[in-house]
Amino acid sequence: MKNIPMVLLLNKSDLPNTRTESEICSTLCIDDYKSNKIHVQKCCASRGEGLIEAVTWMEDQLLSERLKTPTSPKKPKQQS
């Protein structure tokens, strides 16, 4: 699976003694997915922190991919 945008939400980042972003990325071998666009976002779901940023990033990725993909021209309707 190449060129697939992914968002990794690091929830509960507001709690003490949580792992760092680099520790989590290392554990999950994020570097193995270099062919994909990956956005790592710390968040706190109960407060809504970081969620808008993650969704906005994904929206931007999907829109940019949509603009890159040529649409096929519509075929004219055949008259009967």
C-alpha atoms as a PDB file:
ATOM      1  CA  MET A   1       0.000   0.000   0.000  1.00  0.00           C
ATOM      2  CA  LYS A   2       1.815   3.044  -1.286  1.00  0.00           C
ATOM      3  CA  ASN A   3       0.921   6.709  -1.326  1.00  0.00           C
ATOM      4  CA  ILE A   4      -1.809   6.299   1.242  1.00  0.00           C
ATOM      5  CA  PRO A   5      -2.103   9.195   3.683  1.00  0.00           C
ATOM      6  CA  MET A   6      -2.302   8.095   7.304  1.00  0.00           C
ATOM      7  CA  VAL A   7      -2.887   9.954  10.545  1.00  0.00           C
ATOM      8  CA  LEU A   8      -1.508   8.552  13.761  1.00  0.00           C
ATOM      9  CA  LEU A   9      -3.300  10.080  16.739  1.00  0.00           C
ATOM     10  CA  LEU A  10      -1.351   9.981  19.981  1.00  0.00           C
ATOM     11  CA  ASN A  11      -4.249  10.198  22.405  1.00  0.00           C
ATOM     12  CA  LYS A  12      -3.864  10.899  26.103  1.00  0.00           C
ATOM     13  CA  SER A  13      -0.765  12.964  25.429  1.00  0.00           C
ATOM     14  CA  ASP A  14      -1.822  15.221  28.297  1.00  0.00           C
ATOM     15  CA  LEU A  15      -1.216  12.503  30.898  1.00  0.00           C
ATOM     16  CA  PRO A  16       2.034  12.269  32.835  1.00  0.00           C
ATOM     17  CA  ASN A  17       4.604   9.614  31.936  1.00  0.00           C
ATOM     18  CA  THR A  18       3.315   9.112  28.396  1.00  0.00           C
ATOM     19  CA  ARG A  19       5.721   7.980  25.709  1.00  0.00           C
ATOM     20  CA  THR A  20       7.258  10.575  23.460  1.00  0.00           C
ATOM     21  CA  GLU A  21       6.289  10.887  19.824  1.00  0.00           C
ATOM     22  CA  SER A  22       9.645   9.455  18.741  1.00  0.00           C
ATOM     23  CA  GLU A  23       9.300   6.461  21.099  1.00  0.00           C
ATOM     24  CA  ILE A  24       5.888   5.606  19.700  1.00  0.00           C
ATOM     25  CA  CYS A  25       7.005   6.055  16.088  1.00  0.00           C
ATOM     26  CA  SER A  26      10.016   3.838  16.749  1.00  0.00           C
ATOM     27  CA  THR A  27       7.887   1.131  18.388  1.00  0.00           C
ATOM     28  CA  LEU A  28       5.449   1.162  15.463  1.00  0.00           C
ATOM     29  CA  CYS A  29       8.271   1.236  12.875  1.00  0.00           C
ATOM     30  CA  ILE A  30       6.810   4.336  11.223  1.00  0.00           C
ATOM     31  CA  ASP A  31       9.999   4.751   9.190  1.00  0.00           C
ATOM     32  CA  ASP A  32       9.077   1.544   7.336  1.00  0.00           C
ATOM     33  CA  TYR A  33       6.192   3.435   5.735  1.00  0.00           C
ATOM     34  CA  LYS A  34       8.248   6.075   3.950  1.00  0.00           C
ATOM     35  CA  SER A  35       6.227   5.624   0.755  1.00  0.00           C
ATOM     36  CA  ASN A  36       3.169   6.920   2.591  1.00  0.00           C
ATOM     37  CA  LYS A  37       2.421  10.377   3.892  1.00  0.00           C
ATOM     38  CA  ILE A  38       2.109  10.052   7.655  1.00  0.00           C
ATOM     39  CA  HIS A  39       1.044  12.761  10.039  1.00  0.00           C
ATOM     40  CA  VAL A  40       1.678  12.123  13.731  1.00  0.00           C
ATOM     41  CA  GLN A  41      -0.576  14.219  15.939  1.00  0.00           C
ATOM     42  CA  LYS A  42      -0.600  14.412  19.713  1.00  0.00           C
ATOM     43  CA  CYS A  43      -4.124  14.786  20.995  1.00  0.00           C
ATOM     44  CA  CYS A  44      -6.414  14.729  23.973  1.00  0.00           C
ATOM     45  CA  ALA A  45      -9.788  13.508  22.769  1.00  0.00           C
ATOM     46  CA  SER A  46     -11.630  14.441  25.963  1.00  0.00           C
ATOM     47  CA  ARG A  47     -10.563  18.077  25.462  1.00  0.00           C
ATOM     48  CA  GLY A  48     -10.692  17.996  21.678  1.00  0.00           C
ATOM     49  CA  GLU A  49      -7.044  19.013  21.401  1.00  0.00           C
ATOM     50  CA  GLY A  50      -5.256  18.014  18.201  1.00  0.00           C
ATOM     51  CA  LEU A  51      -8.301  16.505  16.503  1.00  0.00           C
ATOM     52  CA  ILE A  52      -9.057  19.421  14.197  1.00  0.00           C
ATOM     53  CA  GLU A  53      -5.424  19.521  13.091  1.00  0.00           C
ATOM     54  CA  ALA A  54      -5.452  15.798  12.275  1.00  0.00           C
ATOM     55  CA  VAL A  55      -8.696  15.934  10.319  1.00  0.00           C
ATOM     56  CA  THR A  56      -7.593  19.070   8.484  1.00  0.00           C
ATOM     57  CA  TRP A  57      -4.311  17.417   7.470  1.00  0.00           C
ATOM     58  CA  MET A  58      -6.164  14.352   6.156  1.00  0.00           C
ATOM     59  CA  GLU A  59      -8.646  16.524   4.280  1.00  0.00           C
ATOM     60  CA  ASP A  60      -5.780  18.436   2.659  1.00  0.00           C
ATOM     61  CA  GLN A  61      -4.118  15.176   1.607  1.00  0.00           C
ATOM     62  CA  LEU A  62      -7.293  13.747   0.108  1.00  0.00           C
ATOM     63  CA  LEU A  63      -8.096  16.964  -1.732  1.00  0.00           C
ATOM     64  CA  SER A  64      -4.592  17.235  -3.163  1.00  0.00           C
ATOM     65  CA  GLU A  65      -4.761  13.623  -4.371  1.00  0.00           C
ATOM     66  CA  ARG A  66      -8.162  14.275  -5.909  1.00  0.00           C
ATOM     67  CA  LEU A  67      -6.775  17.251  -7.814  1.00  0.00           C
ATOM     68  CA  LYS A  68      -3.889  15.136  -9.111  1.00  0.00           C
ATOM     69  CA  THR A  69      -6.172  12.383 -10.397  1.00  0.00           C
ATOM     70  CA  PRO A  70      -7.490  13.233 -13.837  1.00  0.00           C
ATOM     71  CA  THR A  71     -11.157  12.644 -14.277  1.00  0.00           C
ATOM     72  CA  SER A  72     -12.271  10.871 -17.390  1.00  0.00           C
ATOM     73  CA  PRO A  73     -14.468  12.921 -19.680  1.00  0.00           C
ATOM     74  CA  LYS A  74     -18.113  12.019 -19.667  1.00  0.00           C
ATOM     75  CA  LYS A  75     -19.306  10.155 -22.699  1.00  0.00           C
ATOM     76  CA  PRO A  76     -22.080  11.874 -24.616  1.00  0.00           C
ATOM     77  CA  LYS A  77     -25.461  10.291 -24.234  1.00  0.00           C
ATOM     78  CA  GLN A  78     -26.532   8.211 -27.175  1.00  0.00           C
ATOM     79  CA  GLN A  79     -29.822   9.140 -28.655  1.00  0.00           C
ATOM     80  CA  SER A  80     -32.280   6.342 -29.324  1.00  0.00           C
END
